[in-house]
Amino acid sequence: MSMRSLLVLALVVAAAACLAAPRGAHGAGECGKTPADKMALKLAPCASAGQDPKSVPSSGCCTAVHTIGKQSPKCLCAVMLSDTAKSAGIKPEVAMSIPKRCNLVDRPVGYKCGAYTLP
């Protein structure tokens, strides 16, 4: 292989590695190294509770919310406002009330989450 071919191959491999690397791998976001959109997948059991304020959240939903909120209120906020949550039909104004509807005693009451405040 010629030197030019090796250089082209090295550039192609480097470009592919950059494209394949997870976003935020070098820095920490609201949820550490896991992007909020990926973390939002853990809220799948909260689909109905995030759409209907009168819906009683399932135990699976409450466990997920508690786990994420315990990690960081900032993470819980980012997850509830994420594109993944919104595309799943979660309404942020309804989602903010899930920790209260789950009766989580250690929820971050009064925490500012974008335009919303956790009750």
PDB file of N, CA and C in Angstrom:
ATOM      1  N   MET A   1       0.843  -1.171   0.000  1.00  0.00           N
ATOM      2  CA  MET A   1       0.000   0.000   0.000  1.00  0.00           C
ATOM      3  C   MET A   1       0.894   1.242   0.000  1.00  0.00           C
ATOM      4  N   SER A   2       0.510   2.212  -0.774  1.00  0.00           N
ATOM      5  CA  SER A   2       1.308   3.433  -0.840  1.00  0.00           C
ATOM      6  C   SER A   2       1.044   4.314   0.384  1.00  0.00           C
ATOM      7  N   MET A   3       1.907   5.251   0.596  1.00  0.00           N
ATOM      8  CA  MET A   3       1.770   6.166   1.730  1.00  0.00           C
ATOM      9  C   MET A   3       0.483   6.972   1.599  1.00  0.00           C
ATOM     10  N   ARG A   4       0.151   7.379   0.382  1.00  0.00           N
ATOM     11  CA  ARG A   4      -1.069   8.147   0.141  1.00  0.00           C
ATOM     12  C   ARG A   4      -2.297   7.310   0.486  1.00  0.00           C
ATOM     13  N   SER A   5      -2.317   6.039   0.115  1.00  0.00           N
ATOM     14  CA  SER A   5      -3.438   5.146   0.425  1.00  0.00           C
ATOM     15  C   SER A   5      -3.588   4.969   1.931  1.00  0.00           C
ATOM     16  N   LEU A   6      -2.472   4.839   2.629  1.00  0.00           N
ATOM     17  CA  LEU A   6      -2.519   4.698   4.083  1.00  0.00           C
ATOM     18  C   LEU A   6      -3.082   5.957   4.741  1.00  0.00           C
ATOM     19  N   LEU A   7      -2.710   7.115   4.229  1.00  0.00           N
ATOM     20  CA  LEU A   7      -3.194   8.377   4.770  1.00  0.00           C
ATOM     21  C   LEU A   7      -4.706   8.505   4.556  1.00  0.00           C
ATOM     22  N   VAL A   8      -5.166   8.165   3.356  1.00  0.00           N
ATOM     23  CA  VAL A   8      -6.599   8.223   3.050  1.00  0.00           C
ATOM     24  C   VAL A   8      -7.362   7.246   3.950  1.00  0.00           C
ATOM     25  N   LEU A   9      -6.830   6.037   4.104  1.00  0.00           N
ATOM     26  CA  LEU A   9      -7.463   5.040   4.960  1.00  0.00           C
ATOM     27  C   LEU A   9      -7.531   5.531   6.404  1.00  0.00           C
ATOM     28  N   ALA A  10      -6.467   6.143   6.898  1.00  0.00           N
ATOM     29  CA  ALA A  10      -6.435   6.655   8.266  1.00  0.00           C
ATOM     30  C   ALA A  10      -7.477   7.761   8.455  1.00  0.00           C
ATOM     31  N   LEU A  11      -7.632   8.635   7.463  1.00  0.00           N
ATOM     32  CA  LEU A  11      -8.623   9.709   7.549  1.00  0.00           C
ATOM     33  C   LEU A  11     -10.044   9.150   7.548  1.00  0.00           C
ATOM     34  N   VAL A  12     -10.295   8.140   6.728  1.00  0.00           N
ATOM     35  CA  VAL A  12     -11.622   7.523   6.667  1.00  0.00           C
ATOM     36  C   VAL A  12     -11.954   6.858   8.007  1.00  0.00           C
ATOM     37  N   VAL A  13     -10.997   6.151   8.580  1.00  0.00           N
ATOM     38  CA  VAL A  13     -11.209   5.488   9.871  1.00  0.00           C
ATOM     39  C   VAL A  13     -11.448   6.527  10.971  1.00  0.00           C
ATOM     40  N   ALA A  14     -10.671   7.606  10.952  1.00  0.00           N
ATOM     41  CA  ALA A  14     -10.843   8.660  11.959  1.00  0.00           C
ATOM     42  C   ALA A  14     -12.211   9.324  11.832  1.00  0.00           C
ATOM     43  N   ALA A  15     -12.637   9.590  10.594  1.00  0.00           N
ATOM     44  CA  ALA A  15     -13.947  10.210  10.378  1.00  0.00           C
ATOM     45  C   ALA A  15     -15.065   9.281  10.838  1.00  0.00           C
ATOM     46  N   ALA A  16     -14.941   8.001  10.541  1.00  0.00           N
ATOM     47  CA  ALA A  16     -15.952   7.027  10.960  1.00  0.00           C
ATOM     48  C   ALA A  16     -16.013   6.938  12.478  1.00  0.00           C
ATOM     49  N   ALA A  17     -14.880   6.994  13.128  1.00  0.00           N
ATOM     50  CA  ALA A  17     -14.841   6.932  14.588  1.00  0.00           C
ATOM     51  C   ALA A  17     -15.519   8.159  15.200  1.00  0.00           C
ATOM     52  N   CYS A  18     -15.310   9.314  14.593  1.00  0.00           N
ATOM     53  CA  CYS A  18     -15.949  10.535  15.089  1.00  0.00           C
ATOM     54  C   CYS A  18     -17.466  10.467  14.933  1.00  0.00           C
ATOM     55  N   LEU A  19     -17.916   9.942  13.812  1.00  0.00           N
ATOM     56  CA  LEU A  19     -19.352   9.832  13.574  1.00  0.00           C
ATOM     57  C   LEU A  19     -19.997   8.792  14.474  1.00  0.00           C
ATOM     58  N   ALA A  20     -19.282   7.742  14.793  1.00  0.00           N
ATOM     59  CA  ALA A  20     -19.837   6.656  15.605  1.00  0.00           C
ATOM     60  C   ALA A  20     -19.759   6.939  17.099  1.00  0.00           C
ATOM     61  N   ALA A  21     -18.930   7.878  17.513  1.00  0.00           N
ATOM     62  CA  ALA A  21     -18.779   8.167  18.945  1.00  0.00           C
ATOM     63  C   ALA A  21     -20.067   8.746  19.496  1.00  0.00           C
ATOM     64  N   PRO A  22     -20.479   8.317  20.688  1.00  0.00           N
ATOM     65  CA  PRO A  22     -21.686   8.880  21.288  1.00  0.00           C
ATOM     66  C   PRO A  22     -21.475  10.356  21.586  1.00  0.00           C
ATOM     67  N   ARG A  23     -22.518  11.121  21.392  1.00  0.00           N
ATOM     68  CA  ARG A  23     -22.416  12.551  21.673  1.00  0.00           C
ATOM     69  C   ARG A  23     -22.265  12.761  23.164  1.00  0.00           C
ATOM     70  N   GLY A  24     -21.470  13.704  23.516  1.00  0.00           N
ATOM     71  CA  GLY A  24     -21.267  14.019  24.924  1.00  0.00           C
ATOM     72  C   GLY A  24     -20.339  13.049  25.624  1.00  0.00           C
ATOM     73  N   ALA A  25     -19.628  12.239  24.891  1.00  0.00           N
ATOM     74  CA  ALA A  25     -18.761  11.246  25.518  1.00  0.00           C
ATOM     75  C   ALA A  25     -17.632  11.890  26.295  1.00  0.00           C
ATOM     76  N   HIS A  26     -17.251  13.080  25.911  1.00  0.00           N
ATOM     77  CA  HIS A  26     -16.121  13.720  26.573  1.00  0.00           C
ATOM     78  C   HIS A  26     -16.553  14.650  27.700  1.00  0.00           C
ATOM     79  N   GLY A  27     -17.820  15.012  27.731  1.00  0.00           N
ATOM     80  CA  GLY A  27     -18.288  15.917  28.764  1.00  0.00           C
ATOM     81  C   GLY A  27     -19.493  15.331  29.462  1.00  0.00           C
ATOM     82  N   ALA A  28     -19.865  15.920  30.544  1.00  0.00           N
ATOM     83  CA  ALA A  28     -21.020  15.450  31.293  1.00  0.00           C
ATOM     84  C   ALA A  28     -22.157  16.446  31.115  1.00  0.00           C
ATOM     85  N   GLY A  29     -23.329  15.921  30.798  1.00  0.00           N
ATOM     86  CA  GLY A  29     -24.513  16.757  30.677  1.00  0.00           C
ATOM     87  C   GLY A  29     -25.317  16.691  31.963  1.00  0.00           C
ATOM     88  N   GLU A  30     -26.584  17.023  31.870  1.00  0.00           N
ATOM     89  CA  GLU A  30     -27.456  17.019  33.043  1.00  0.00           C
ATOM     90  C   GLU A  30     -27.527  15.645  33.698  1.00  0.00           C
ATOM     91  N   CYS A  31     -27.403  14.601  32.897  1.00  0.00           N
ATOM     92  CA  CYS A  31     -27.519  13.224  33.400  1.00  0.00           C
ATOM     93  C   CYS A  31     -26.182  12.490  33.351  1.00  0.00           C
ATOM     94  N   GLY A  32     -25.101  13.223  33.535  1.00  0.00           N
ATOM     95  CA  GLY A  32     -23.784  12.609  33.475  1.00  0.00           C
ATOM     96  C   GLY A  32     -23.425  12.314  32.034  1.00  0.00           C
ATOM     97  N   LYS A  33     -22.891  11.135  31.791  1.00  0.00           N
ATOM     98  CA  LYS A  33     -22.473  10.786  30.428  1.00  0.00           C
ATOM     99  C   LYS A  33     -23.610  10.252  29.582  1.00  0.00           C
ATOM    100  N   THR A  34     -24.780  10.000  30.190  1.00  0.00           N
ATOM    101  CA  THR A  34     -25.936   9.515  29.439  1.00  0.00           C
ATOM    102  C   THR A  34     -26.748  10.715  28.971  1.00  0.00           C
ATOM    103  N   PRO A  35     -26.970  10.864  27.675  1.00  0.00           N
ATOM    104  CA  PRO A  35     -27.778  11.991  27.186  1.00  0.00           C
ATOM    105  C   PRO A  35     -29.210  11.928  27.743  1.00  0.00           C
ATOM    106  N   ALA A  36     -29.789  13.085  28.004  1.00  0.00           N
ATOM    107  CA  ALA A  36     -31.149  13.145  28.555  1.00  0.00           C
ATOM    108  C   ALA A  36     -32.150  12.416  27.656  1.00  0.00           C
ATOM    109  N   ASP A  37     -31.973  12.518  26.335  1.00  0.00           N
ATOM    110  CA  ASP A  37     -32.900  11.832  25.426  1.00  0.00           C
ATOM    111  C   ASP A  37     -32.833  10.313  25.590  1.00  0.00           C
ATOM    112  N   LYS A  38     -31.657   9.795  25.862  1.00  0.00           N
ATOM    113  CA  LYS A  38     -31.526   8.353  26.084  1.00  0.00           C
ATOM    114  C   LYS A  38     -32.087   7.979  27.458  1.00  0.00           C
ATOM    115  N   MET A  39     -31.826   8.803  28.447  1.00  0.00           N
ATOM    116  CA  MET A  39     -32.342   8.562  29.795  1.00  0.00           C
ATOM    117  C   MET A  39     -33.875   8.607  29.795  1.00  0.00           C
ATOM    118  N   ALA A  40     -34.447   9.401  28.896  1.00  0.00           N
ATOM    119  CA  ALA A  40     -35.903   9.528  28.824  1.00  0.00           C
ATOM    120  C   ALA A  40     -36.581   8.205  28.484  1.00  0.00           C
ATOM    121  N   LEU A  41     -35.865   7.306  27.848  1.00  0.00           N
ATOM    122  CA  LEU A  41     -36.437   6.008  27.519  1.00  0.00           C
ATOM    123  C   LEU A  41     -36.830   5.238  28.777  1.00  0.00           C
ATOM    124  N   LYS A  42     -36.189   5.560  29.897  1.00  0.00           N
ATOM    125  CA  LYS A  42     -36.516   4.897  31.163  1.00  0.00           C
ATOM    126  C   LYS A  42     -37.882   5.329  31.690  1.00  0.00           C
ATOM    127  N   LEU A  43     -38.414   6.410  31.130  1.00  0.00           N
ATOM    128  CA  LEU A  43     -39.726   6.891  31.564  1.00  0.00           C
ATOM    129  C   LEU A  43     -40.869   6.291  30.745  1.00  0.00           C
ATOM    130  N   ALA A  44     -40.589   5.255  29.984  1.00  0.00           N
ATOM    131  CA  ALA A  44     -41.638   4.605  29.182  1.00  0.00           C
ATOM    132  C   ALA A  44     -42.862   4.230  30.019  1.00  0.00           C
ATOM    133  N   PRO A  45     -42.688   3.738  31.264  1.00  0.00           N
ATOM    134  CA  PRO A  45     -43.878   3.407  32.062  1.00  0.00           C
ATOM    135  C   PRO A  45     -44.707   4.627  32.452  1.00  0.00           C
ATOM    136  N   CYS A  46     -44.194   5.817  32.192  1.00  0.00           N
ATOM    137  CA  CYS A  46     -44.888   7.051  32.567  1.00  0.00           C
ATOM    138  C   CYS A  46     -45.685   7.656  31.414  1.00  0.00           C
ATOM    139  N   ALA A  47     -45.826   6.940  30.324  1.00  0.00           N
ATOM    140  CA  ALA A  47     -46.471   7.505  29.133  1.00  0.00           C
ATOM    141  C   ALA A  47     -47.854   8.080  29.438  1.00  0.00           C
ATOM    142  N   SER A  48     -48.730   7.312  30.045  1.00  0.00           N
ATOM    143  CA  SER A  48     -50.078   7.824  30.311  1.00  0.00           C
ATOM    144  C   SER A  48     -50.072   8.887  31.405  1.00  0.00           C
ATOM    145  N   ALA A  49     -49.230   8.712  32.420  1.00  0.00           N
ATOM    146  CA  ALA A  49     -49.150   9.695  33.504  1.00  0.00           C
ATOM    147  C   ALA A  49     -48.573  11.022  33.016  1.00  0.00           C
ATOM    148  N   GLY A  50     -47.798  10.990  31.953  1.00  0.00           N
ATOM    149  CA  GLY A  50     -47.215  12.204  31.403  1.00  0.00           C
ATOM    150  C   GLY A  50     -48.117  12.910  30.409  1.00  0.00           C
ATOM    151  N   GLN A  51     -49.250  12.278  30.102  1.00  0.00           N
ATOM    152  CA  GLN A  51     -50.202  12.880  29.171  1.00  0.00           C
ATOM    153  C   GLN A  51     -51.487  13.319  29.862  1.00  0.00           C
ATOM    154  N   ASP A  52     -51.853  12.609  30.925  1.00  0.00           N
ATOM    155  CA  ASP A  52     -53.115  12.861  31.610  1.00  0.00           C
ATOM    156  C   ASP A  52     -52.850  13.176  33.080  1.00  0.00           C
ATOM    157  N   PRO A  53     -53.124  14.407  33.499  1.00  0.00           N
ATOM    158  CA  PRO A  53     -52.829  14.780  34.885  1.00  0.00           C
ATOM    159  C   PRO A  53     -53.667  14.013  35.911  1.00  0.00           C
ATOM    160  N   LYS A  54     -54.738  13.358  35.475  1.00  0.00           N
ATOM    161  CA  LYS A  54     -55.592  12.602  36.402  1.00  0.00           C
ATOM    162  C   LYS A  54     -55.209  11.128  36.454  1.00  0.00           C
ATOM    163  N   SER A  55     -54.269  10.732  35.596  1.00  0.00           N
ATOM    164  CA  SER A  55     -53.815   9.342  35.561  1.00  0.00           C
ATOM    165  C   SER A  55     -52.936   9.053  36.774  1.00  0.00           C
ATOM    166  N   VAL A  56     -53.168   7.889  37.385  1.00  0.00           N
ATOM    167  CA  VAL A  56     -52.338   7.477  38.517  1.00  0.00           C
ATOM    168  C   VAL A  56     -51.077   6.825  37.957  1.00  0.00           C
ATOM    169  N   PRO A  57     -49.896   7.358  38.297  1.00  0.00           N
ATOM    170  CA  PRO A  57     -48.650   6.774  37.780  1.00  0.00           C
ATOM    171  C   PRO A  57     -48.460   5.338  38.298  1.00  0.00           C
ATOM    172  N   SER A  58     -47.966   4.482  37.433  1.00  0.00           N
ATOM    173  CA  SER A  58     -47.707   3.094  37.826  1.00  0.00           C
ATOM    174  C   SER A  58     -46.507   3.042  38.773  1.00  0.00           C
ATOM    175  N   SER A  59     -46.355   1.927  39.450  1.00  0.00           N
ATOM    176  CA  SER A  59     -45.204   1.787  40.347  1.00  0.00           C
ATOM    177  C   SER A  59     -43.907   1.828  39.543  1.00  0.00           C
ATOM    178  N   GLY A  60     -43.923   1.279  38.313  1.00  0.00           N
ATOM    179  CA  GLY A  60     -42.745   1.330  37.446  1.00  0.00           C
ATOM    180  C   GLY A  60     -42.375   2.754  37.088  1.00  0.00           C
ATOM    181  N   CYS A  61     -43.387   3.564  36.840  1.00  0.00           N
ATOM    182  CA  CYS A  61     -43.163   4.977  36.531  1.00  0.00           C
ATOM    183  C   CYS A  61     -42.557   5.681  37.743  1.00  0.00           C
ATOM    184  N   CYS A  62     -43.142   5.469  38.909  1.00  0.00           N
ATOM    185  CA  CYS A  62     -42.662   6.138  40.123  1.00  0.00           C
ATOM    186  C   CYS A  62     -41.230   5.719  40.449  1.00  0.00           C
ATOM    187  N   THR A  63     -40.922   4.447  40.234  1.00  0.00           N
ATOM    188  CA  THR A  63     -39.557   3.974  40.478  1.00  0.00           C
ATOM    189  C   THR A  63     -38.584   4.665  39.536  1.00  0.00           C
ATOM    190  N   ALA A  64     -38.954   4.771  38.257  1.00  0.00           N
ATOM    191  CA  ALA A  64     -38.082   5.423  37.270  1.00  0.00           C
ATOM    192  C   ALA A  64     -37.873   6.895  37.609  1.00  0.00           C
ATOM    193  N   VAL A  65     -38.954   7.589  37.948  1.00  0.00           N
ATOM    194  CA  VAL A  65     -38.863   9.016  38.288  1.00  0.00           C
ATOM    195  C   VAL A  65     -38.007   9.203  39.539  1.00  0.00           C
ATOM    196  N   HIS A  66     -38.205   8.339  40.525  1.00  0.00           N
ATOM    197  CA  HIS A  66     -37.428   8.441  41.763  1.00  0.00           C
ATOM    198  C   HIS A  66     -35.941   8.205  41.486  1.00  0.00           C
ATOM    199  N   THR A  67     -35.645   7.209  40.682  1.00  0.00           N
ATOM    200  CA  THR A  67     -34.253   6.879  40.365  1.00  0.00           C
ATOM    201  C   THR A  67     -33.568   8.033  39.636  1.00  0.00           C
ATOM    202  N   ILE A  68     -34.246   8.588  38.632  1.00  0.00           N
ATOM    203  CA  ILE A  68     -33.662   9.696  37.862  1.00  0.00           C
ATOM    204  C   ILE A  68     -33.559  10.951  38.730  1.00  0.00           C
ATOM    205  N   GLY A  69     -34.607  11.245  39.495  1.00  0.00           N
ATOM    206  CA  GLY A  69     -34.603  12.433  40.346  1.00  0.00           C
ATOM    207  C   GLY A  69     -33.570  12.356  41.453  1.00  0.00           C
ATOM    208  N   LYS A  70     -33.328  11.143  41.955  1.00  0.00           N
ATOM    209  CA  LYS A  70     -32.330  10.954  43.005  1.00  0.00           C
ATOM    210  C   LYS A  70     -30.925  11.214  42.452  1.00  0.00           C
ATOM    211  N   GLN A  71     -30.740  10.846  41.166  1.00  0.00           N
ATOM    212  CA  GLN A  71     -29.452  11.108  40.516  1.00  0.00           C
ATOM    213  C   GLN A  71     -29.205  12.607  40.485  1.00  0.00           C
ATOM    214  N   SER A  72     -30.251  13.359  40.062  1.00  0.00           N
ATOM    215  CA  SER A  72     -30.098  14.809  39.964  1.00  0.00           C
ATOM    216  C   SER A  72     -31.420  15.434  39.539  1.00  0.00           C
ATOM    217  N   PRO A  73     -31.889  16.459  40.261  1.00  0.00           N
ATOM    218  CA  PRO A  73     -33.098  17.157  39.811  1.00  0.00           C
ATOM    219  C   PRO A  73     -32.902  17.760  38.413  1.00  0.00           C
ATOM    220  N   LYS A  74     -31.668  18.183  38.136  1.00  0.00           N
ATOM    221  CA  LYS A  74     -31.354  18.765  36.826  1.00  0.00           C
ATOM    222  C   LYS A  74     -31.553  17.715  35.730  1.00  0.00           C
ATOM    223  N   CYS A  75     -31.178  16.477  36.015  1.00  0.00           N
ATOM    224  CA  CYS A  75     -31.347  15.378  35.065  1.00  0.00           C
ATOM    225  C   CYS A  75     -32.830  15.098  34.857  1.00  0.00           C
ATOM    226  N   LEU A  76     -33.590  15.006  35.954  1.00  0.00           N
ATOM    227  CA  LEU A  76     -35.028  14.744  35.846  1.00  0.00           C
ATOM    228  C   LEU A  76     -35.702  15.821  35.006  1.00  0.00           C
ATOM    229  N   CYS A  77     -35.317  17.047  35.220  1.00  0.00           N
ATOM    230  CA  CYS A  77     -35.855  18.167  34.455  1.00  0.00           C
ATOM    231  C   CYS A  77     -35.530  18.010  32.968  1.00  0.00           C
ATOM    232  N   ALA A  78     -34.264  17.742  32.666  1.00  0.00           N
ATOM    233  CA  ALA A  78     -33.841  17.588  31.272  1.00  0.00           C
ATOM    234  C   ALA A  78     -34.561  16.427  30.594  1.00  0.00           C
ATOM    235  N   VAL A  79     -34.774  15.358  31.337  1.00  0.00           N
ATOM    236  CA  VAL A  79     -35.464  14.183  30.787  1.00  0.00           C
ATOM    237  C   VAL A  79     -36.918  14.525  30.476  1.00  0.00           C
ATOM    238  N   MET A  80     -37.585  15.198  31.407  1.00  0.00           N
ATOM    239  CA  MET A  80     -39.003  15.540  31.202  1.00  0.00           C
ATOM    240  C   MET A  80     -39.202  16.548  30.076  1.00  0.00           C
ATOM    241  N   LEU A  81     -38.178  17.343  29.800  1.00  0.00           N
ATOM    242  CA  LEU A  81     -38.267  18.338  28.719  1.00  0.00           C
ATOM    243  C   LEU A  81     -37.592  17.865  27.436  1.00  0.00           C
ATOM    244  N   SER A  82     -37.112  16.632  27.423  1.00  0.00           N
ATOM    245  CA  SER A  82     -36.352  16.133  26.281  1.00  0.00           C
ATOM    246  C   SER A  82     -37.223  15.944  25.040  1.00  0.00           C
ATOM    247  N   ASP A  83     -36.563  15.934  23.894  1.00  0.00           N
ATOM    248  CA  ASP A  83     -37.261  15.680  22.635  1.00  0.00           C
ATOM    249  C   ASP A  83     -37.870  14.280  22.628  1.00  0.00           C
ATOM    250  N   THR A  84     -37.197  13.323  23.249  1.00  0.00           N
ATOM    251  CA  THR A  84     -37.705  11.956  23.314  1.00  0.00           C
ATOM    252  C   THR A  84     -39.026  11.922  24.068  1.00  0.00           C
ATOM    253  N   ALA A  85     -39.081  12.592  25.208  1.00  0.00           N
ATOM    254  CA  ALA A  85     -40.316  12.623  25.996  1.00  0.00           C
ATOM    255  C   ALA A  85     -41.432  13.317  25.211  1.00  0.00           C
ATOM    256  N   LYS A  86     -41.097  14.440  24.599  1.00  0.00           N
ATOM    257  CA  LYS A  86     -42.109  15.177  23.825  1.00  0.00           C
ATOM    258  C   LYS A  86     -42.619  14.357  22.645  1.00  0.00           C
ATOM    259  N   SER A  87     -41.720  13.659  21.957  1.00  0.00           N
ATOM    260  CA  SER A  87     -42.152  12.865  20.802  1.00  0.00           C
ATOM    261  C   SER A  87     -42.991  11.657  21.231  1.00  0.00           C
ATOM    262  N   ALA A  88     -42.874  11.266  22.508  1.00  0.00           N
ATOM    263  CA  ALA A  88     -43.690  10.166  23.034  1.00  0.00           C
ATOM    264  C   ALA A  88     -45.050  10.681  23.520  1.00  0.00           C
ATOM    265  N   GLY A  89     -45.279  11.977  23.371  1.00  0.00           N
ATOM    266  CA  GLY A  89     -46.560  12.547  23.758  1.00  0.00           C
ATOM    267  C   GLY A  89     -46.603  13.064  25.186  1.00  0.00           C
ATOM    268  N   ILE A  90     -45.449  13.061  25.862  1.00  0.00           N
ATOM    269  CA  ILE A  90     -45.394  13.558  27.237  1.00  0.00           C
ATOM    270  C   ILE A  90     -45.552  15.079  27.212  1.00  0.00           C
ATOM    271  N   LYS A  91     -46.465  15.571  28.020  1.00  0.00           N
ATOM    272  CA  LYS A  91     -46.670  17.014  28.139  1.00  0.00           C
ATOM    273  C   LYS A  91     -45.860  17.498  29.338  1.00  0.00           C
ATOM    274  N   PRO A  92     -44.902  18.400  29.106  1.00  0.00           N
ATOM    275  CA  PRO A  92     -44.039  18.835  30.210  1.00  0.00           C
ATOM    276  C   PRO A  92     -44.813  19.334  31.424  1.00  0.00           C
ATOM    277  N   GLU A  93     -45.872  20.092  31.193  1.00  0.00           N
ATOM    278  CA  GLU A  93     -46.638  20.639  32.318  1.00  0.00           C
ATOM    279  C   GLU A  93     -47.313  19.544  33.135  1.00  0.00           C
ATOM    280  N   VAL A  94     -47.613  18.425  32.504  1.00  0.00           N
ATOM    281  CA  VAL A  94     -48.214  17.281  33.202  1.00  0.00           C
ATOM    282  C   VAL A  94     -47.119  16.429  33.841  1.00  0.00           C
ATOM    283  N   ALA A  95     -46.026  16.240  33.115  1.00  0.00           N
ATOM    284  CA  ALA A  95     -44.921  15.427  33.619  1.00  0.00           C
ATOM    285  C   ALA A  95     -44.351  15.994  34.917  1.00  0.00           C
ATOM    286  N   MET A  96     -44.349  17.309  35.043  1.00  0.00           N
ATOM    287  CA  MET A  96     -43.788  17.936  36.241  1.00  0.00           C
ATOM    288  C   MET A  96     -44.523  17.516  37.506  1.00  0.00           C
ATOM    289  N   SER A  97     -45.781  17.097  37.363  1.00  0.00           N
ATOM    290  CA  SER A  97     -46.565  16.713  38.543  1.00  0.00           C
ATOM    291  C   SER A  97     -46.408  15.227  38.903  1.00  0.00           C
ATOM    292  N   ILE A  98     -45.696  14.456  38.081  1.00  0.00           N
ATOM    293  CA  ILE A  98     -45.551  13.020  38.355  1.00  0.00           C
ATOM    294  C   ILE A  98     -44.870  12.757  39.698  1.00  0.00           C
ATOM    295  N   PRO A  99     -43.752  13.422  40.031  1.00  0.00           N
ATOM    296  CA  PRO A  99     -43.146  13.141  41.343  1.00  0.00           C
ATOM    297  C   PRO A  99     -44.125  13.359  42.508  1.00  0.00           C
ATOM    298  N   LYS A 100     -44.946  14.397  42.414  1.00  0.00           N
ATOM    299  CA  LYS A 100     -45.935  14.650  43.466  1.00  0.00           C
ATOM    300  C   LYS A 100     -47.015  13.575  43.449  1.00  0.00           C
ATOM    301  N   ARG A 101     -47.492  13.200  42.248  1.00  0.00           N
ATOM    302  CA  ARG A 101     -48.521  12.161  42.148  1.00  0.00           C
ATOM    303  C   ARG A 101     -47.993  10.806  42.607  1.00  0.00           C
ATOM    304  N   CYS A 102     -46.680  10.624  42.563  1.00  0.00           N
ATOM    305  CA  CYS A 102     -46.066   9.388  43.066  1.00  0.00           C
ATOM    306  C   CYS A 102     -45.831   9.458  44.578  1.00  0.00           C
ATOM    307  N   ASN A 103     -46.153  10.603  45.186  1.00  0.00           N
ATOM    308  CA  ASN A 103     -45.943  10.815  46.624  1.00  0.00           C
ATOM    309  C   ASN A 103     -44.479  10.629  47.026  1.00  0.00           C
ATOM    310  N   LEU A 104     -43.574  11.095  46.176  1.00  0.00           N
ATOM    311  CA  LEU A 104     -42.145  10.997  46.488  1.00  0.00           C
ATOM    312  C   LEU A 104     -41.803  12.065  47.522  1.00  0.00           C
ATOM    313  N   VAL A 105     -41.442  11.633  48.719  1.00  0.00           N
ATOM    314  CA  VAL A 105     -41.185  12.583  49.796  1.00  0.00           C
ATOM    315  C   VAL A 105     -39.900  13.375  49.576  1.00  0.00           C
ATOM    316  N   ASP A 106     -38.953  12.786  48.826  1.00  0.00           N
ATOM    317  CA  ASP A 106     -37.683  13.484  48.612  1.00  0.00           C
ATOM    318  C   ASP A 106     -37.628  14.187  47.258  1.00  0.00           C
ATOM    319  N   ARG A 107     -38.800  14.491  46.697  1.00  0.00           N
ATOM    320  CA  ARG A 107     -38.815  15.188  45.407  1.00  0.00           C
ATOM    321  C   ARG A 107     -38.349  16.629  45.602  1.00  0.00           C
ATOM    322  N   PRO A 108     -37.784  17.220  44.553  1.00  0.00           N
ATOM    323  CA  PRO A 108     -37.255  18.589  44.676  1.00  0.00           C
ATOM    324  C   PRO A 108     -38.358  19.644  44.515  1.00  0.00           C
ATOM    325  N   VAL A 109     -39.180  19.796  45.542  1.00  0.00           N
ATOM    326  CA  VAL A 109     -40.297  20.745  45.512  1.00  0.00           C
ATOM    327  C   VAL A 109     -39.769  22.149  45.246  1.00  0.00           C
ATOM    328  N   GLY A 110     -40.399  22.838  44.292  1.00  0.00           N
ATOM    329  CA  GLY A 110     -40.020  24.207  43.970  1.00  0.00           C
ATOM    330  C   GLY A 110     -38.862  24.325  42.995  1.00  0.00           C
ATOM    331  N   TYR A 111     -38.330  23.184  42.545  1.00  0.00           N
ATOM    332  CA  TYR A 111     -37.203  23.214  41.610  1.00  0.00           C
ATOM    333  C   TYR A 111     -37.663  23.797  40.279  1.00  0.00           C
ATOM    334  N   LYS A 112     -36.940  24.800  39.786  1.00  0.00           N
ATOM    335  CA  LYS A 112     -37.251  25.428  38.501  1.00  0.00           C
ATOM    336  C   LYS A 112     -36.769  24.550  37.373  1.00  0.00           C
ATOM    337  N   CYS A 113     -37.679  24.237  36.485  1.00  0.00           N
ATOM    338  CA  CYS A 113     -37.377  23.352  35.347  1.00  0.00           C
ATOM    339  C   CYS A 113     -37.857  24.062  34.089  1.00  0.00           C
ATOM    340  N   GLY A 114     -36.983  24.843  33.498  1.00  0.00           N
ATOM    341  CA  GLY A 114     -37.387  25.638  32.341  1.00  0.00           C
ATOM    342  C   GLY A 114     -38.469  26.621  32.773  1.00  0.00           C
ATOM    343  N   ALA A 115     -39.581  26.606  32.065  1.00  0.00           N
ATOM    344  CA  ALA A 115     -40.701  27.485  32.383  1.00  0.00           C
ATOM    345  C   ALA A 115     -41.590  26.909  33.475  1.00  0.00           C
ATOM    346  N   TYR A 116     -41.237  25.747  34.011  1.00  0.00           N
ATOM    347  CA  TYR A 116     -42.073  25.034  34.968  1.00  0.00           C
ATOM    348  C   TYR A 116     -41.413  24.978  36.340  1.00  0.00           C
ATOM    349  N   THR A 117     -42.218  24.725  37.353  1.00  0.00           N
ATOM    350  CA  THR A 117     -41.726  24.528  38.718  1.00  0.00           C
ATOM    351  C   THR A 117     -42.298  23.215  39.218  1.00  0.00           C
ATOM    352  N   LEU A 118     -41.426  22.375  39.782  1.00  0.00           N
ATOM    353  CA  LEU A 118     -41.901  21.098  40.308  1.00  0.00           C
ATOM    354  C   LEU A 118     -42.747  21.349  41.566  1.00  0.00           C
ATOM    355  N   PRO A 119     -43.986  20.810  41.575  1.00  0.00           N
ATOM    356  CA  PRO A 119     -44.851  21.011  42.744  1.00  0.00           C
ATOM    357  C   PRO A 119     -44.430  20.132  43.920  1.00  0.00           C
TER     358      PRO A 119
END
